[in-house]
PDB file of N, CA and C in Angstrom:
ATOM      1  N   MET A   1     157.066-166.576 -78.356  1.00  0.00           N
ATOM      2  CA  MET A   1     156.610-165.663 -77.237  1.00  0.00           C
ATOM      3  C   MET A   1     157.733-164.929 -76.571  1.00  0.00           C
ATOM      4  N   LYS A   2     157.618-163.476 -76.478  1.00  0.00           N
ATOM      5  CA  LYS A   2     158.689-162.765 -75.738  1.00  0.00           C
ATOM      6  C   LYS A   2     158.089-162.272 -74.454  1.00  0.00           C
ATOM      7  N   ASN A   3     159.159-161.925 -73.705  1.00  0.00           N
ATOM      8  CA  ASN A   3     158.819-161.642 -72.353  1.00  0.00           C
ATOM      9  C   ASN A   3     159.637-160.294 -71.942  1.00  0.00           C
ATOM     10  N   THR A   4     158.969-159.696 -70.796  1.00  0.00           N
ATOM     11  CA  THR A   4     159.676-158.485 -70.314  1.00  0.00           C
ATOM     12  C   THR A   4     160.284-158.685 -68.764  1.00  0.00           C
ATOM     13  N   LEU A   5     160.674-159.927 -68.582  1.00  0.00           N
ATOM     14  CA  LEU A   5     160.803-160.146 -67.153  1.00  0.00           C
ATOM     15  C   LEU A   5     162.078-159.406 -66.727  1.00  0.00           C
ATOM     16  N   LYS A   6     163.220-159.270 -67.652  1.00  0.00           N
ATOM     17  CA  LYS A   6     164.430-158.579 -67.518  1.00  0.00           C
ATOM     18  C   LYS A   6     164.021-157.239 -67.101  1.00  0.00           C
ATOM     19  N   VAL A   7     163.252-156.495 -67.660  1.00  0.00           N
ATOM     20  CA  VAL A   7     162.948-155.211 -67.789  1.00  0.00           C
ATOM     21  C   VAL A   7     162.246-155.005 -66.335  1.00  0.00           C
ATOM     22  N   GLN A   8     161.202-155.897 -65.980  1.00  0.00           N
ATOM     23  CA  GLN A   8     160.445-155.849 -64.682  1.00  0.00           C
ATOM     24  C   GLN A   8     161.352-155.994 -63.504  1.00  0.00           C
ATOM     25  N   ARG A   9     162.352-156.907 -63.707  1.00  0.00           N
ATOM     26  CA  ARG A   9     163.186-157.247 -62.622  1.00  0.00           C
ATOM     27  C   ARG A   9     164.210-156.151 -62.394  1.00  0.00           C
ATOM     28  N   ALA A  10     164.560-155.351 -63.442  1.00  0.00           N
ATOM     29  CA  ALA A  10     165.391-154.100 -63.357  1.00  0.00           C
ATOM     30  C   ALA A  10     164.719-152.946 -62.570  1.00  0.00           C
ATOM     31  N   ILE A  11     163.354-152.932 -62.761  1.00  0.00           N
ATOM     32  CA  ILE A  11     162.566-151.866 -62.304  1.00  0.00           C
ATOM     33  C   ILE A  11     162.715-151.992 -60.803  1.00  0.00           C
ATOM     34  N   LEU A  12     162.603-153.227 -60.234  1.00  0.00           N
ATOM     35  CA  LEU A  12     162.722-153.558 -58.883  1.00  0.00           C
ATOM     36  C   LEU A  12     163.983-153.700 -58.342  1.00  0.00           C
ATOM     37  N   ASP A  13     164.913-153.622 -59.225  1.00  0.00           N
ATOM     38  CA  ASP A  13     166.456-153.775 -58.664  1.00  0.00           C
ATOM     39  C   ASP A  13     166.699-155.112 -58.131  1.00  0.00           C
ATOM     40  N   LEU A  14     166.123-156.187 -58.743  1.00  0.00           N
ATOM     41  CA  LEU A  14     166.176-157.570 -58.283  1.00  0.00           C
ATOM     42  C   LEU A  14     167.286-158.097 -59.126  1.00  0.00           C
ATOM     43  N   THR A  15     168.311-159.040 -58.645  1.00  0.00           N
ATOM     44  CA  THR A  15     169.202-159.796 -59.386  1.00  0.00           C
ATOM     45  C   THR A  15     168.378-161.017 -59.816  1.00  0.00           C
ATOM     46  N   GLN A  16     168.985-161.686 -60.856  1.00  0.00           N
ATOM     47  CA  GLN A  16     168.375-163.037 -61.137  1.00  0.00           C
ATOM     48  C   GLN A  16     168.250-163.922 -59.704  1.00  0.00           C
ATOM     49  N   GLU A  17     169.248-163.992 -59.111  1.00  0.00           N
ATOM     50  CA  GLU A  17     169.460-164.816 -57.756  1.00  0.00           C
ATOM     51  C   GLU A  17     168.182-164.466 -56.796  1.00  0.00           C
ATOM     52  N   ASP A  18     167.917-163.053 -56.743  1.00  0.00           N
ATOM     53  CA  ASP A  18     166.960-162.590 -55.830  1.00  0.00           C
ATOM     54  C   ASP A  18     165.570-163.113 -56.175  1.00  0.00           C
ATOM     55  N   LEU A  19     165.417-162.913 -57.562  1.00  0.00           N
ATOM     56  CA  LEU A  19     164.092-163.342 -58.082  1.00  0.00           C
ATOM     57  C   LEU A  19     163.919-164.814 -57.886  1.00  0.00           C
ATOM     58  N   ALA A  20     164.910-165.607 -58.161  1.00  0.00           N
ATOM     59  CA  ALA A  20     165.000-167.040 -58.053  1.00  0.00           C
ATOM     60  C   ALA A  20     164.563-167.425 -56.893  1.00  0.00           C
ATOM     61  N   LYS A  21     165.019-166.847 -55.621  1.00  0.00           N
ATOM     62  CA  LYS A  21     164.836-167.239 -54.328  1.00  0.00           C
ATOM     63  C   LYS A  21     163.476-166.767 -53.863  1.00  0.00           C
ATOM     64  N   LYS A  22     162.850-165.797 -54.404  1.00  0.00           N
ATOM     65  CA  LYS A  22     161.293-165.242 -54.202  1.00  0.00           C
ATOM     66  C   LYS A  22     160.555-166.202 -54.581  1.00  0.00           C
ATOM     67  N   ILE A  23     160.779-167.016 -55.799  1.00  0.00           N
ATOM     68  CA  ILE A  23     159.858-167.754 -56.297  1.00  0.00           C
ATOM     69  C   ILE A  23     160.089-169.222 -56.307  1.00  0.00           C
ATOM     70  N   GLY A  24     161.140-169.695 -55.791  1.00  0.00           N
ATOM     71  CA  GLY A  24     161.641-171.080 -55.643  1.00  0.00           C
ATOM     72  C   GLY A  24     162.148-171.637 -56.751  1.00  0.00           C
ATOM     73  N   VAL A  25     162.923-171.285 -57.505  1.00  0.00           N
ATOM     74  CA  VAL A  25     163.593-171.739 -58.686  1.00  0.00           C
ATOM     75  C   VAL A  25     165.092-171.377 -58.633  1.00  0.00           C
ATOM     76  N   SER A  26     165.803-171.902 -59.583  1.00  0.00           N
ATOM     77  CA  SER A  26     167.187-171.597 -59.791  1.00  0.00           C
ATOM     78  C   SER A  26     167.334-170.213 -60.522  1.00  0.00           C
ATOM     79  N   ARG A  27     168.726-169.610 -60.267  1.00  0.00           N
ATOM     80  CA  ARG A  27     168.976-168.452 -61.106  1.00  0.00           C
ATOM     81  C   ARG A  27     168.983-168.873 -62.603  1.00  0.00           C
ATOM     82  N   GLN A  28     169.404-170.151 -62.916  1.00  0.00           N
ATOM     83  CA  GLN A  28     169.411-170.593 -64.386  1.00  0.00           C
ATOM     84  C   GLN A  28     168.096-170.449 -65.056  1.00  0.00           C
ATOM     85  N   THR A  29     167.165-170.995 -63.982  1.00  0.00           N
ATOM     86  CA  THR A  29     165.803-170.979 -64.665  1.00  0.00           C
ATOM     87  C   THR A  29     165.340-169.618 -65.040  1.00  0.00           C
ATOM     88  N   ILE A  30     165.608-168.558 -64.125  1.00  0.00           N
ATOM     89  CA  ILE A  30     165.387-167.108 -64.426  1.00  0.00           C
ATOM     90  C   ILE A  30     166.042-166.641 -65.636  1.00  0.00           C
ATOM     91  N   ASN A  31     167.269-167.157 -65.892  1.00  0.00           N
ATOM     92  CA  ASN A  31     168.078-166.813 -67.032  1.00  0.00           C
ATOM     93  C   ASN A  31     167.514-167.342 -68.277  1.00  0.00           C
ATOM     94  N   SER A  32     167.053-168.632 -68.073  1.00  0.00           N
ATOM     95  CA  SER A  32     166.505-169.318 -69.478  1.00  0.00           C
ATOM     96  C   SER A  32     165.071-168.593 -69.853  1.00  0.00           C
ATOM     97  N   ILE A  33     164.356-168.296 -68.904  1.00  0.00           N
ATOM     98  CA  ILE A  33     163.059-167.522 -69.100  1.00  0.00           C
ATOM     99  C   ILE A  33     163.421-166.284 -69.730  1.00  0.00           C
ATOM    100  N   GLU A  34     164.237-165.541 -69.313  1.00  0.00           N
ATOM    101  CA  GLU A  34     164.683-164.124 -69.985  1.00  0.00           C
ATOM    102  C   GLU A  34     165.143-164.257 -71.186  1.00  0.00           C
ATOM    103  N   LYS A  35     165.884-165.466 -71.613  1.00  0.00           N
ATOM    104  CA  LYS A  35     166.501-165.603 -72.963  1.00  0.00           C
ATOM    105  C   LYS A  35     165.694-166.355 -73.873  1.00  0.00           C
ATOM    106  N   ASN A  36     164.258-166.503 -73.522  1.00  0.00           N
ATOM    107  CA  ASN A  36     163.243-167.363 -74.193  1.00  0.00           C
ATOM    108  C   ASN A  36     163.736-168.637 -74.575  1.00  0.00           C
ATOM    109  N   ARG A  37     164.388-169.235 -73.620  1.00  0.00           N
ATOM    110  CA  ARG A  37     164.672-170.837 -73.847  1.00  0.00           C
ATOM    111  C   ARG A  37     163.933-171.667 -73.146  1.00  0.00           C
ATOM    112  N   TYR A  38     162.983-171.024 -72.091  1.00  0.00           N
ATOM    113  CA  TYR A  38     162.078-171.842 -71.246  1.00  0.00           C
ATOM    114  C   TYR A  38     160.942-171.115 -71.138  1.00  0.00           C
ATOM    115  N   VAL A  39     159.870-171.828 -71.223  1.00  0.00           N
ATOM    116  CA  VAL A  39     158.472-171.257 -71.005  1.00  0.00           C
ATOM    117  C   VAL A  39     157.972-171.809 -69.861  1.00  0.00           C
ATOM    118  N   PRO A  40     157.834-170.907 -68.783  1.00  0.00           N
ATOM    119  CA  PRO A  40     157.300-171.250 -67.450  1.00  0.00           C
ATOM    120  C   PRO A  40     156.007-171.827 -67.516  1.00  0.00           C
ATOM    121  N   SER A  41     155.899-172.625 -66.398  1.00  0.00           N
ATOM    122  CA  SER A  41     154.563-173.183 -66.081  1.00  0.00           C
ATOM    123  C   SER A  41     153.425-172.217 -65.656  1.00  0.00           C
ATOM    124  N   THR A  42     152.355-172.401 -65.641  1.00  0.00           N
ATOM    125  CA  THR A  42     151.255-171.554 -65.234  1.00  0.00           C
ATOM    126  C   THR A  42     151.403-171.223 -63.652  1.00  0.00           C
ATOM    127  N   VAL A  43     151.881-172.122 -63.038  1.00  0.00           N
ATOM    128  CA  VAL A  43     152.170-171.711 -61.540  1.00  0.00           C
ATOM    129  C   VAL A  43     153.449-170.667 -61.516  1.00  0.00           C
ATOM    130  N   LEU A  44     154.395-170.942 -62.192  1.00  0.00           N
ATOM    131  CA  LEU A  44     155.507-170.196 -62.118  1.00  0.00           C
ATOM    132  C   LEU A  44     155.167-168.731 -62.712  1.00  0.00           C
ATOM    133  N   ALA A  45     154.379-168.751 -63.830  1.00  0.00           N
ATOM    134  CA  ALA A  45     153.962-167.369 -64.218  1.00  0.00           C
ATOM    135  C   ALA A  45     153.127-166.627 -63.214  1.00  0.00           C
ATOM    136  N   LEU A  46     152.375-167.381 -62.543  1.00  0.00           N
ATOM    137  CA  LEU A  46     151.509-166.571 -61.563  1.00  0.00           C
ATOM    138  C   LEU A  46     152.329-166.163 -60.303  1.00  0.00           C
ATOM    139  N   LYS A  47     153.417-167.127 -59.951  1.00  0.00           N
ATOM    140  CA  LYS A  47     154.371-166.571 -58.994  1.00  0.00           C
ATOM    141  C   LYS A  47     155.070-165.344 -59.329  1.00  0.00           C
ATOM    142  N   LEU A  48     155.561-165.149 -60.414  1.00  0.00           N
ATOM    143  CA  LEU A  48     155.998-164.014 -61.099  1.00  0.00           C
ATOM    144  C   LEU A  48     155.088-162.724 -61.002  1.00  0.00           C
ATOM    145  N   SER A  49     153.973-163.116 -61.439  1.00  0.00           N
ATOM    146  CA  SER A  49     152.905-162.003 -61.436  1.00  0.00           C
ATOM    147  C   SER A  49     152.613-161.503 -60.138  1.00  0.00           C
ATOM    148  N   SER A  50     152.839-162.438 -59.120  1.00  0.00           N
ATOM    149  CA  SER A  50     152.686-161.913 -57.797  1.00  0.00           C
ATOM    150  C   SER A  50     153.761-161.114 -57.096  1.00  0.00           C
ATOM    151  N   VAL A  51     154.902-161.607 -57.659  1.00  0.00           N
ATOM    152  CA  VAL A  51     156.288-160.728 -57.159  1.00  0.00           C
ATOM    153  C   VAL A  51     156.194-159.261 -57.667  1.00  0.00           C
ATOM    154  N   PHE A  52     155.766-159.148 -58.916  1.00  0.00           N
ATOM    155  CA  PHE A  52     155.792-158.027 -59.373  1.00  0.00           C
ATOM    156  C   PHE A  52     154.359-157.145 -59.462  1.00  0.00           C
ATOM    157  N   ASN A  53     153.521-157.789 -58.943  1.00  0.00           N
ATOM    158  CA  ASN A  53     152.079-157.111 -58.760  1.00  0.00           C
ATOM    159  C   ASN A  53     151.679-156.648 -60.273  1.00  0.00           C
ATOM    160  N   ILE A  54     151.736-157.394 -61.051  1.00  0.00           N
ATOM    161  CA  ILE A  54     151.293-156.990 -62.489  1.00  0.00           C
ATOM    162  C   ILE A  54     150.670-158.403 -63.158  1.00  0.00           C
ATOM    163  N   PRO A  55     149.936-158.147 -64.093  1.00  0.00           N
ATOM    164  CA  PRO A  55     149.315-159.464 -64.887  1.00  0.00           C
ATOM    165  C   PRO A  55     150.230-160.122 -65.712  1.00  0.00           C
ATOM    166  N   VAL A  56     150.019-161.494 -65.754  1.00  0.00           N
ATOM    167  CA  VAL A  56     150.779-162.317 -66.509  1.00  0.00           C
ATOM    168  C   VAL A  56     151.120-161.953 -67.891  1.00  0.00           C
ATOM    169  N   ASN A  57     149.965-161.255 -68.418  1.00  0.00           N
ATOM    170  CA  ASN A  57     150.028-160.829 -69.814  1.00  0.00           C
ATOM    171  C   ASN A  57     151.081-159.615 -70.130  1.00  0.00           C
ATOM    172  N   ASP A  58     151.389-159.035 -68.913  1.00  0.00           N
ATOM    173  CA  ASP A  58     152.289-157.929 -69.093  1.00  0.00           C
ATOM    174  C   ASP A  58     153.867-158.520 -69.086  1.00  0.00           C
ATOM    175  N   PHE A  59     154.034-159.708 -68.669  1.00  0.00           N
ATOM    176  CA  PHE A  59     155.221-160.380 -68.684  1.00  0.00           C
ATOM    177  C   PHE A  59     155.498-161.060 -70.221  1.00  0.00           C
ATOM    178  N   PHE A  60     154.403-161.743 -70.501  1.00  0.00           N
ATOM    179  CA  PHE A  60     154.496-162.872 -71.475  1.00  0.00           C
ATOM    180  C   PHE A  60     153.720-162.258 -72.786  1.00  0.00           C
ATOM    181  N   ILE A  61     154.237-162.050 -73.909  1.00  0.00           N
ATOM    182  CA  ILE A  61     153.461-161.591 -75.067  1.00  0.00           C
ATOM    183  C   ILE A  61     153.540-162.579 -76.226  1.00  0.00           C
ATOM    184  N   LEU A  62     152.327-163.091 -76.678  1.00  0.00           N
ATOM    185  CA  LEU A  62     152.318-163.911 -77.815  1.00  0.00           C
ATOM    186  C   LEU A  62     152.779-163.384 -79.074  1.00  0.00           C
ATOM    187  N   GLU A  63     153.485-163.924 -79.922  1.00  0.00           N
ATOM    188  CA  GLU A  63     153.784-163.418 -81.067  1.00  0.00           C
ATOM    189  C   GLU A  63     153.313-164.018 -82.294  1.00  0.00           C
ATOM    190  N   ALA A  64     153.317-163.512 -83.567  1.00  0.00           N
ATOM    191  CA  ALA A  64     152.444-163.971 -84.664  1.00  0.00           C
ATOM    192  C   ALA A  64     152.708-165.443 -84.773  1.00  0.00           C
ATOM    193  N   ASP A  65     154.114-165.894 -84.568  1.00  0.00           N
ATOM    194  CA  ASP A  65     154.464-167.265 -84.890  1.00  0.00           C
ATOM    195  C   ASP A  65     154.219-168.240 -84.057  1.00  0.00           C
ATOM    196  N   ASP A  66     153.694-167.857 -82.701  1.00  0.00           N
ATOM    197  CA  ASP A  66     153.280-168.844 -81.580  1.00  0.00           C
ATOM    198  C   ASP A  66     152.120-169.485 -81.845  1.00  0.00           C
TER     199      ASP A  66
END
């Protein structure tokens, strides 16, 4: 699965730390999601969707091997 979190974060000019504080996780969690080392829970994905006001499917895209 790939994600566009880093791009979306840049559009709103948010640092990893800013975003982490908004959704109640660590900066390291945001970093891990952006580097595809961590797949967020449904709750976390919905929180991200709320912050950016876009559907979860616009952040996370399934790839053929998923």
